[in-house]
PDB file of N, CA and C in Angstrom:
ATOM      1  N   MET A   1      19.427 -33.104  -4.349  1.00  0.00           N
ATOM      2  CA  MET A   1      19.105 -34.325  -3.638  1.00  0.00           C
ATOM      3  C   MET A   1      17.589 -34.500  -3.623  1.00  0.00           C
ATOM      4  N   LYS A   2      17.140 -35.675  -3.959  1.00  0.00           N
ATOM      5  CA  LYS A   2      15.715 -35.968  -4.027  1.00  0.00           C
ATOM      6  C   LYS A   2      15.208 -36.321  -2.633  1.00  0.00           C
ATOM      7  N   THR A   3      14.118 -35.680  -2.218  1.00  0.00           N
ATOM      8  CA  THR A   3      13.522 -35.983  -0.922  1.00  0.00           C
ATOM      9  C   THR A   3      12.239 -36.761  -1.123  1.00  0.00           C
ATOM     10  N   ARG A   4      11.927 -37.600  -0.171  1.00  0.00           N
ATOM     11  CA  ARG A   4      10.718 -38.409  -0.240  1.00  0.00           C
ATOM     12  C   ARG A   4       9.567 -37.639   0.377  1.00  0.00           C
ATOM     13  N   THR A   5       8.468 -37.553  -0.342  1.00  0.00           N
ATOM     14  CA  THR A   5       7.283 -36.874   0.144  1.00  0.00           C
ATOM     15  C   THR A   5       6.360 -37.908   0.758  1.00  0.00           C
ATOM     16  N   SER A   6       5.946 -37.654   1.997  1.00  0.00           N
ATOM     17  CA  SER A   6       5.074 -38.613   2.669  1.00  0.00           C
ATOM     18  C   SER A   6       3.623 -38.390   2.253  1.00  0.00           C
ATOM     19  N   HIS A   7       2.826 -39.404   2.515  1.00  0.00           N
ATOM     20  CA  HIS A   7       1.392 -39.331   2.226  1.00  0.00           C
ATOM     21  C   HIS A   7       0.763 -38.175   3.003  1.00  0.00           C
ATOM     22  N   ARG A   8       1.181 -37.993   4.248  1.00  0.00           N
ATOM     23  CA  ARG A   8       0.637 -36.903   5.068  1.00  0.00           C
ATOM     24  C   ARG A   8       1.010 -35.540   4.490  1.00  0.00           C
ATOM     25  N   ASP A   9       2.246 -35.424   3.980  1.00  0.00           N
ATOM     26  CA  ASP A   9       2.665 -34.163   3.361  1.00  0.00           C
ATOM     27  C   ASP A   9       1.793 -33.839   2.153  1.00  0.00           C
ATOM     28  N   ILE A  10       1.490 -34.848   1.366  1.00  0.00           N
ATOM     29  CA  ILE A  10       0.649 -34.643   0.188  1.00  0.00           C
ATOM     30  C   ILE A  10      -0.761 -34.238   0.611  1.00  0.00           C
ATOM     31  N   GLU A  11      -1.292 -34.910   1.618  1.00  0.00           N
ATOM     32  CA  GLU A  11      -2.625 -34.559   2.121  1.00  0.00           C
ATOM     33  C   GLU A  11      -2.656 -33.111   2.600  1.00  0.00           C
ATOM     34  N   LYS A  12      -1.621 -32.682   3.335  1.00  0.00           N
ATOM     35  CA  LYS A  12      -1.559 -31.302   3.824  1.00  0.00           C
ATOM     36  C   LYS A  12      -1.504 -30.320   2.652  1.00  0.00           C
ATOM     37  N   LEU A  13      -0.711 -30.644   1.645  1.00  0.00           N
ATOM     38  CA  LEU A  13      -0.606 -29.779   0.472  1.00  0.00           C
ATOM     39  C   LEU A  13      -1.954 -29.656  -0.228  1.00  0.00           C
ATOM     40  N   LEU A  14      -2.643 -30.770  -0.404  1.00  0.00           N
ATOM     41  CA  LEU A  14      -3.947 -30.734  -1.066  1.00  0.00           C
ATOM     42  C   LEU A  14      -4.958 -29.921  -0.258  1.00  0.00           C
ATOM     43  N   ASP A  15      -4.834 -29.946   1.057  1.00  0.00           N
ATOM     44  CA  ASP A  15      -5.745 -29.163   1.890  1.00  0.00           C
ATOM     45  C   ASP A  15      -5.507 -27.657   1.745  1.00  0.00           C
ATOM     46  N   THR A  16      -4.338 -27.258   1.277  1.00  0.00           N
ATOM     47  CA  THR A  16      -4.034 -25.825   1.128  1.00  0.00           C
ATOM     48  C   THR A  16      -4.420 -25.273  -0.241  1.00  0.00           C
ATOM     49  N   ILE A  17      -4.823 -26.139  -1.158  1.00  0.00           N
ATOM     50  CA  ILE A  17      -5.162 -25.684  -2.507  1.00  0.00           C
ATOM     51  C   ILE A  17      -6.450 -24.869  -2.486  1.00  0.00           C
ATOM     52  N   ASP A  18      -6.403 -23.718  -3.124  1.00  0.00           N
ATOM     53  CA  ASP A  18      -7.593 -22.875  -3.257  1.00  0.00           C
ATOM     54  C   ASP A  18      -8.433 -23.449  -4.397  1.00  0.00           C
ATOM     55  N   LEU A  19      -9.497 -24.146  -4.039  1.00  0.00           N
ATOM     56  CA  LEU A  19     -10.319 -24.839  -5.023  1.00  0.00           C
ATOM     57  C   LEU A  19     -11.023 -23.893  -5.980  1.00  0.00           C
ATOM     58  N   SER A  20     -11.174 -22.631  -5.581  1.00  0.00           N
ATOM     59  CA  SER A  20     -11.863 -21.688  -6.471  1.00  0.00           C
ATOM     60  C   SER A  20     -11.048 -21.392  -7.728  1.00  0.00           C
ATOM     61  N   THR A  21      -9.753 -21.683  -7.702  1.00  0.00           N
ATOM     62  CA  THR A  21      -8.910 -21.434  -8.881  1.00  0.00           C
ATOM     63  C   THR A  21      -8.842 -22.649  -9.795  1.00  0.00           C
ATOM     64  N   LEU A  22      -9.406 -23.742  -9.363  1.00  0.00           N
ATOM     65  CA  LEU A  22      -9.365 -24.972 -10.156  1.00  0.00           C
ATOM     66  C   LEU A  22     -10.716 -25.229 -10.805  1.00  0.00           C
ATOM     67  N   GLU A  23     -10.690 -26.034 -11.832  1.00  0.00           N
ATOM     68  CA  GLU A  23     -11.938 -26.394 -12.497  1.00  0.00           C
ATOM     69  C   GLU A  23     -12.597 -27.606 -11.843  1.00  0.00           C
ATOM     70  N   VAL A  24     -12.034 -28.069 -10.755  1.00  0.00           N
ATOM     71  CA  VAL A  24     -12.630 -29.164  -9.993  1.00  0.00           C
ATOM     72  C   VAL A  24     -13.004 -28.638  -8.624  1.00  0.00           C
ATOM     73  N   ASP A  25     -13.996 -29.246  -8.017  1.00  0.00           N
ATOM     74  CA  ASP A  25     -14.427 -28.761  -6.712  1.00  0.00           C
ATOM     75  C   ASP A  25     -13.977 -29.652  -5.564  1.00  0.00           C
ATOM     76  N   ASP A  26     -13.379 -30.788  -5.867  1.00  0.00           N
ATOM     77  CA  ASP A  26     -12.945 -31.701  -4.829  1.00  0.00           C
ATOM     78  C   ASP A  26     -11.643 -32.366  -5.283  1.00  0.00           C
ATOM     79  N   PRO A  27     -10.574 -32.258  -4.509  1.00  0.00           N
ATOM     80  CA  PRO A  27      -9.299 -32.847  -4.922  1.00  0.00           C
ATOM     81  C   PRO A  27      -9.204 -34.353  -4.663  1.00  0.00           C
ATOM     82  N   GLU A  28     -10.334 -35.028  -4.464  1.00  0.00           N
ATOM     83  CA  GLU A  28     -10.297 -36.463  -4.177  1.00  0.00           C
ATOM     84  C   GLU A  28      -9.586 -37.240  -5.284  1.00  0.00           C
ATOM     85  N   ASP A  29      -9.752 -36.833  -6.531  1.00  0.00           N
ATOM     86  CA  ASP A  29      -9.068 -37.525  -7.621  1.00  0.00           C
ATOM     87  C   ASP A  29      -7.564 -37.395  -7.477  1.00  0.00           C
ATOM     88  N   LEU A  30      -7.088 -36.242  -7.017  1.00  0.00           N
ATOM     89  CA  LEU A  30      -5.663 -36.056  -6.799  1.00  0.00           C
ATOM     90  C   LEU A  30      -5.189 -36.864  -5.594  1.00  0.00           C
ATOM     91  N   ARG A  31      -6.007 -36.908  -4.564  1.00  0.00           N
ATOM     92  CA  ARG A  31      -5.672 -37.733  -3.398  1.00  0.00           C
ATOM     93  C   ARG A  31      -5.572 -39.207  -3.805  1.00  0.00           C
ATOM     94  N   ARG A  32      -6.456 -39.626  -4.674  1.00  0.00           N
ATOM     95  CA  ARG A  32      -6.442 -41.011  -5.157  1.00  0.00           C
ATOM     96  C   ARG A  32      -5.134 -41.320  -5.873  1.00  0.00           C
ATOM     97  N   ILE A  33      -4.655 -40.384  -6.697  1.00  0.00           N
ATOM     98  CA  ILE A  33      -3.376 -40.571  -7.381  1.00  0.00           C
ATOM     99  C   ILE A  33      -2.260 -40.742  -6.351  1.00  0.00           C
ATOM    100  N   GLY A  34      -2.257 -39.891  -5.339  1.00  0.00           N
ATOM    101  CA  GLY A  34      -1.236 -39.986  -4.290  1.00  0.00           C
ATOM    102  C   GLY A  34      -1.279 -41.318  -3.562  1.00  0.00           C
ATOM    103  N   ARG A  35      -2.483 -41.772  -3.230  1.00  0.00           N
ATOM    104  CA  ARG A  35      -2.619 -43.075  -2.551  1.00  0.00           C
ATOM    105  C   ARG A  35      -2.132 -44.209  -3.442  1.00  0.00           C
ATOM    106  N   ALA A  36      -2.476 -44.141  -4.723  1.00  0.00           N
ATOM    107  CA  ALA A  36      -2.054 -45.193  -5.657  1.00  0.00           C
ATOM    108  C   ALA A  36      -0.538 -45.215  -5.807  1.00  0.00           C
ATOM    109  N   LYS A  37       0.079 -44.023  -5.855  1.00  0.00           N
ATOM    110  CA  LYS A  37       1.540 -43.941  -5.972  1.00  0.00           C
ATOM    111  C   LYS A  37       2.210 -44.596  -4.777  1.00  0.00           C
ATOM    112  N   HIS A  38       1.724 -44.305  -3.583  1.00  0.00           N
ATOM    113  CA  HIS A  38       2.304 -44.900  -2.388  1.00  0.00           C
ATOM    114  C   HIS A  38       2.041 -46.401  -2.312  1.00  0.00           C
ATOM    115  N   ALA A  39       0.861 -46.825  -2.721  1.00  0.00           N
ATOM    116  CA  ALA A  39       0.553 -48.256  -2.732  1.00  0.00           C
ATOM    117  C   ALA A  39       1.456 -48.993  -3.712  1.00  0.00           C
ATOM    118  N   LEU A  40       1.722 -48.375  -4.851  1.00  0.00           N
ATOM    119  CA  LEU A  40       2.605 -48.973  -5.849  1.00  0.00           C
ATOM    120  C   LEU A  40       4.021 -49.112  -5.301  1.00  0.00           C
ATOM    121  N   ARG A  41       4.507 -48.073  -4.630  1.00  0.00           N
ATOM    122  CA  ARG A  41       5.841 -48.131  -4.024  1.00  0.00           C
ATOM    123  C   ARG A  41       5.911 -49.258  -2.994  1.00  0.00           C
ATOM    124  N   ASP A  42       4.877 -49.357  -2.154  1.00  0.00           N
ATOM    125  CA  ASP A  42       4.843 -50.398  -1.131  1.00  0.00           C
ATOM    126  C   ASP A  42       4.754 -51.786  -1.757  1.00  0.00           C
ATOM    127  N   ALA A  43       3.958 -51.922  -2.819  1.00  0.00           N
ATOM    128  CA  ALA A  43       3.815 -53.214  -3.490  1.00  0.00           C
ATOM    129  C   ALA A  43       5.133 -53.632  -4.148  1.00  0.00           C
ATOM    130  N   GLU A  44       5.844 -52.685  -4.733  1.00  0.00           N
ATOM    131  CA  GLU A  44       7.138 -52.994  -5.361  1.00  0.00           C
ATOM    132  C   GLU A  44       8.139 -53.456  -4.305  1.00  0.00           C
ATOM    133  N   ALA A  45       8.133 -52.810  -3.153  1.00  0.00           N
ATOM    134  CA  ALA A  45       9.030 -53.223  -2.068  1.00  0.00           C
ATOM    135  C   ALA A  45       8.679 -54.634  -1.598  1.00  0.00           C
ATOM    136  N   GLU A  46       7.399 -54.927  -1.476  1.00  0.00           N
ATOM    137  CA  GLU A  46       6.969 -56.267  -1.064  1.00  0.00           C
ATOM    138  C   GLU A  46       7.354 -57.311  -2.117  1.00  0.00           C
ATOM    139  N   LEU A  47       7.198 -56.967  -3.397  1.00  0.00           N
ATOM    140  CA  LEU A  47       7.574 -57.893  -4.462  1.00  0.00           C
ATOM    141  C   LEU A  47       9.069 -58.195  -4.419  1.00  0.00           C
ATOM    142  N   ARG A  48       9.887 -57.165  -4.240  1.00  0.00           N
ATOM    143  CA  ARG A  48      11.335 -57.369  -4.140  1.00  0.00           C
ATOM    144  C   ARG A  48      11.676 -58.260  -2.944  1.00  0.00           C
ATOM    145  N   ALA A  49      11.017 -58.029  -1.816  1.00  0.00           N
ATOM    146  CA  ALA A  49      11.257 -58.850  -0.626  1.00  0.00           C
ATOM    147  C   ALA A  49      10.822 -60.296  -0.866  1.00  0.00           C
ATOM    148  N   ALA A  50       9.696 -60.483  -1.537  1.00  0.00           N
ATOM    149  CA  ALA A  50       9.201 -61.833  -1.819  1.00  0.00           C
ATOM    150  C   ALA A  50      10.144 -62.577  -2.759  1.00  0.00           C
ATOM    151  N   VAL A  51      10.659 -61.891  -3.772  1.00  0.00           N
ATOM    152  CA  VAL A  51      11.615 -62.516  -4.694  1.00  0.00           C
ATOM    153  C   VAL A  51      12.888 -62.883  -3.944  1.00  0.00           C
ATOM    154  N   ALA A  52      13.382 -61.992  -3.102  1.00  0.00           N
ATOM    155  CA  ALA A  52      14.592 -62.278  -2.325  1.00  0.00           C
ATOM    156  C   ALA A  52      14.385 -63.484  -1.415  1.00  0.00           C
ATOM    157  N   ALA A  53      13.219 -63.565  -0.776  1.00  0.00           N
ATOM    158  CA  ALA A  53      12.920 -64.700   0.101  1.00  0.00           C
ATOM    159  C   ALA A  53      12.838 -65.994  -0.708  1.00  0.00           C
ATOM    160  N   SER A  54      12.245 -65.913  -1.865  1.00  0.00           N
ATOM    161  CA  SER A  54      12.141 -67.087  -2.723  1.00  0.00           C
ATOM    162  C   SER A  54      13.523 -67.563  -3.166  1.00  0.00           C
ATOM    163  N   ARG A  55      14.379 -66.622  -3.538  1.00  0.00           N
ATOM    164  CA  ARG A  55      15.749 -66.976  -3.913  1.00  0.00           C
ATOM    165  C   ARG A  55      16.499 -67.578  -2.741  1.00  0.00           C
ATOM    166  N   ALA A  56      16.253 -67.053  -1.524  1.00  0.00           N
ATOM    167  CA  ALA A  56      16.931 -67.551  -0.329  1.00  0.00           C
ATOM    168  C   ALA A  56      16.551 -68.995  -0.025  1.00  0.00           C
ATOM    169  N   THR A  57      15.361 -69.414  -0.460  1.00  0.00           N
ATOM    170  CA  THR A  57      14.957 -70.808  -0.242  1.00  0.00           C
ATOM    171  C   THR A  57      15.427 -71.710  -1.378  1.00  0.00           C
ATOM    172  N   GLY A  58      16.113 -71.118  -2.374  1.00  0.00           N
ATOM    173  CA  GLY A  58      16.676 -71.921  -3.453  1.00  0.00           C
ATOM    174  C   GLY A  58      15.870 -71.949  -4.736  1.00  0.00           C
ATOM    175  N   ARG A  59      14.831 -71.164  -4.829  1.00  0.00           N
ATOM    176  CA  ARG A  59      14.036 -71.127  -6.068  1.00  0.00           C
ATOM    177  C   ARG A  59      14.876 -70.564  -7.205  1.00  0.00           C
ATOM    178  N   SER A  60      14.665 -71.101  -8.379  1.00  0.00           N
ATOM    179  CA  SER A  60      15.430 -70.658  -9.553  1.00  0.00           C
ATOM    180  C   SER A  60      14.817 -69.394 -10.142  1.00  0.00           C
ATOM    181  N   TRP A  61      15.658 -68.670 -10.890  1.00  0.00           N
ATOM    182  CA  TRP A  61      15.154 -67.491 -11.600  1.00  0.00           C
ATOM    183  C   TRP A  61      14.108 -67.908 -12.624  1.00  0.00           C
ATOM    184  N   GLY A  62      14.232 -69.115 -13.163  1.00  0.00           N
ATOM    185  CA  GLY A  62      13.248 -69.607 -14.123  1.00  0.00           C
ATOM    186  C   GLY A  62      11.859 -69.714 -13.514  1.00  0.00           C
ATOM    187  N   LEU A  63      11.775 -70.311 -12.312  1.00  0.00           N
ATOM    188  CA  LEU A  63      10.472 -70.436 -11.637  1.00  0.00           C
ATOM    189  C   LEU A  63       9.925 -69.069 -11.241  1.00  0.00           C
ATOM    190  N   ILE A  64      10.788 -68.219 -10.748  1.00  0.00           N
ATOM    191  CA  ILE A  64      10.347 -66.869 -10.367  1.00  0.00           C
ATOM    192  C   ILE A  64       9.849 -66.124 -11.599  1.00  0.00           C
ATOM    193  N   GLY A  65      10.565 -66.256 -12.707  1.00  0.00           N
ATOM    194  CA  GLY A  65      10.142 -65.617 -13.949  1.00  0.00           C
ATOM    195  C   GLY A  65       8.781 -66.103 -14.411  1.00  0.00           C
ATOM    196  N   ILE A  66       8.527 -67.410 -14.270  1.00  0.00           N
ATOM    197  CA  ILE A  66       7.222 -67.953 -14.656  1.00  0.00           C
ATOM    198  C   ILE A  66       6.106 -67.299 -13.851  1.00  0.00           C
ATOM    199  N   VAL A  67       6.303 -67.193 -12.533  1.00  0.00           N
ATOM    200  CA  VAL A  67       5.289 -66.581 -11.672  1.00  0.00           C
ATOM    201  C   VAL A  67       5.069 -65.110 -12.049  1.00  0.00           C
ATOM    202  N   LEU A  68       6.153 -64.423 -12.400  1.00  0.00           N
ATOM    203  CA  LEU A  68       6.062 -63.007 -12.758  1.00  0.00           C
ATOM    204  C   LEU A  68       5.582 -62.779 -14.191  1.00  0.00           C
ATOM    205  N   GLY A  69       5.593 -63.846 -14.986  1.00  0.00           N
ATOM    206  CA  GLY A  69       5.180 -63.708 -16.384  1.00  0.00           C
ATOM    207  C   GLY A  69       6.250 -63.080 -17.259  1.00  0.00           C
ATOM    208  N   ILE A  70       7.511 -63.255 -16.846  1.00  0.00           N
ATOM    209  CA  ILE A  70       8.641 -62.734 -17.612  1.00  0.00           C
ATOM    210  C   ILE A  70       9.704 -63.821 -17.728  1.00  0.00           C
ATOM    211  N   SER A  71      10.699 -63.600 -18.542  1.00  0.00           N
ATOM    212  CA  SER A  71      11.758 -64.594 -18.692  1.00  0.00           C
ATOM    213  C   SER A  71      12.632 -64.644 -17.448  1.00  0.00           C
ATOM    214  N   LYS A  72      13.369 -65.750 -17.310  1.00  0.00           N
ATOM    215  CA  LYS A  72      14.265 -65.855 -16.152  1.00  0.00           C
ATOM    216  C   LYS A  72      15.336 -64.772 -16.202  1.00  0.00           C
ATOM    217  N   GLN A  73      15.785 -64.434 -17.407  1.00  0.00           N
ATOM    218  CA  GLN A  73      16.785 -63.383 -17.541  1.00  0.00           C
ATOM    219  C   GLN A  73      16.225 -62.026 -17.085  1.00  0.00           C
ATOM    220  N   ALA A  74      14.994 -61.746 -17.481  1.00  0.00           N
ATOM    221  CA  ALA A  74      14.366 -60.482 -17.081  1.00  0.00           C
ATOM    222  C   ALA A  74      14.167 -60.437 -15.566  1.00  0.00           C
ATOM    223  N   ALA A  75      13.769 -61.552 -14.976  1.00  0.00           N
ATOM    224  CA  ALA A  75      13.581 -61.611 -13.524  1.00  0.00           C
ATOM    225  C   ALA A  75      14.903 -61.357 -12.807  1.00  0.00           C
ATOM    226  N   GLN A  76      15.953 -61.991 -13.278  1.00  0.00           N
ATOM    227  CA  GLN A  76      17.261 -61.817 -12.643  1.00  0.00           C
ATOM    228  C   GLN A  76      17.775 -60.393 -12.809  1.00  0.00           C
ATOM    229  N   GLN A  77      17.579 -59.826 -13.994  1.00  0.00           N
ATOM    230  CA  GLN A  77      18.024 -58.446 -14.221  1.00  0.00           C
ATOM    231  C   GLN A  77      17.258 -57.470 -13.342  1.00  0.00           C
ATOM    232  N   ARG A  78      15.960 -57.688 -13.215  1.00  0.00           N
ATOM    233  CA  ARG A  78      15.125 -56.747 -12.472  1.00  0.00           C
ATOM    234  C   ARG A  78      15.262 -56.898 -10.964  1.00  0.00           C
ATOM    235  N   TYR A  79      15.399 -58.141 -10.478  1.00  0.00           N
ATOM    236  CA  TYR A  79      15.347 -58.381  -9.043  1.00  0.00           C
ATOM    237  C   TYR A  79      16.617 -58.974  -8.449  1.00  0.00           C
ATOM    238  N   GLY A  80      17.613 -59.247  -9.277  1.00  0.00           N
ATOM    239  CA  GLY A  80      18.862 -59.798  -8.777  1.00  0.00           C
ATOM    240  C   GLY A  80      19.711 -58.750  -8.088  1.00  0.00           C
ATOM    241  N   GLU A  81      20.728 -59.210  -7.385  1.00  0.00           N
ATOM    242  CA  GLU A  81      21.598 -58.292  -6.651  1.00  0.00           C
ATOM    243  C   GLU A  81      22.263 -57.283  -7.569  1.00  0.00           C
ATOM    244  N   THR A  82      22.553 -57.663  -8.786  1.00  0.00           N
ATOM    245  CA  THR A  82      23.218 -56.733  -9.705  1.00  0.00           C
ATOM    246  C   THR A  82      22.277 -55.655 -10.212  1.00  0.00           C
ATOM    247  N   SER A  83      20.971 -55.769  -9.901  1.00  0.00           N
ATOM    248  CA  SER A  83      20.015 -54.763 -10.371  1.00  0.00           C
ATOM    249  C   SER A  83      19.922 -53.566  -9.436  1.00  0.00           C
ATOM    250  N   ARG A  84      20.682 -53.600  -8.328  1.00  0.00           N
ATOM    251  CA  ARG A  84      20.619 -52.468  -7.403  1.00  0.00           C
ATOM    252  C   ARG A  84      21.170 -51.218  -8.079  1.00  0.00           C
ATOM    253  N   PRO A  85      20.625 -50.066  -7.695  1.00  0.00           N
ATOM    254  CA  PRO A  85      21.131 -48.827  -8.276  1.00  0.00           C
ATOM    255  C   PRO A  85      22.614 -48.639  -7.975  1.00  0.00           C
ATOM    256  N   LYS A  86      23.361 -48.182  -8.950  1.00  0.00           N
ATOM    257  CA  LYS A  86      24.787 -47.994  -8.769  1.00  0.00           C
ATOM    258  C   LYS A  86      25.049 -46.640  -8.130  1.00  0.00           C
ATOM    259  N   GLY A  87      25.948 -46.632  -7.160  1.00  0.00           N
ATOM    260  CA  GLY A  87      26.333 -45.395  -6.491  1.00  0.00           C
ATOM    261  C   GLY A  87      27.544 -44.783  -7.168  1.00  0.00           C
ATOM    262  N   PRO A  88      28.017 -43.664  -6.649  1.00  0.00           N
ATOM    263  CA  PRO A  88      29.151 -42.971  -7.254  1.00  0.00           C
ATOM    264  C   PRO A  88      30.435 -43.817  -7.279  1.00  0.00           C
ATOM    265  N   SER A  89      30.578 -44.733  -6.326  1.00  0.00           N
ATOM    266  CA  SER A  89      31.800 -45.547  -6.283  1.00  0.00           C
ATOM    267  C   SER A  89      31.734 -46.779  -7.171  1.00  0.00           C
ATOM    268  N   ASP A  90      30.573 -47.067  -7.752  1.00  0.00           N
ATOM    269  CA  ASP A  90      30.421 -48.263  -8.600  1.00  0.00           C
ATOM    270  C   ASP A  90      30.926 -48.015 -10.001  1.00  0.00           C
TER     271      ASP A  90
END
């Protein structure tokens, strides 16, 4: 089972690294990667919510695709209800 690692957990882990064994003296670059990963996850969630809200107001997949810079089919496949991950019963 995959567990979600929080930003605080990553920060704590980075604080435990013995820097003398690494060729870098500051893990800030690694912290930056962690922050970017979490920001990307949050941005993807916001994008999905924005697409859902747009669909709820009656916007077409064609218009949404134009804004996203992809085809209407790609927008529907990526953000439509059928794009949800399938569970064991699906």
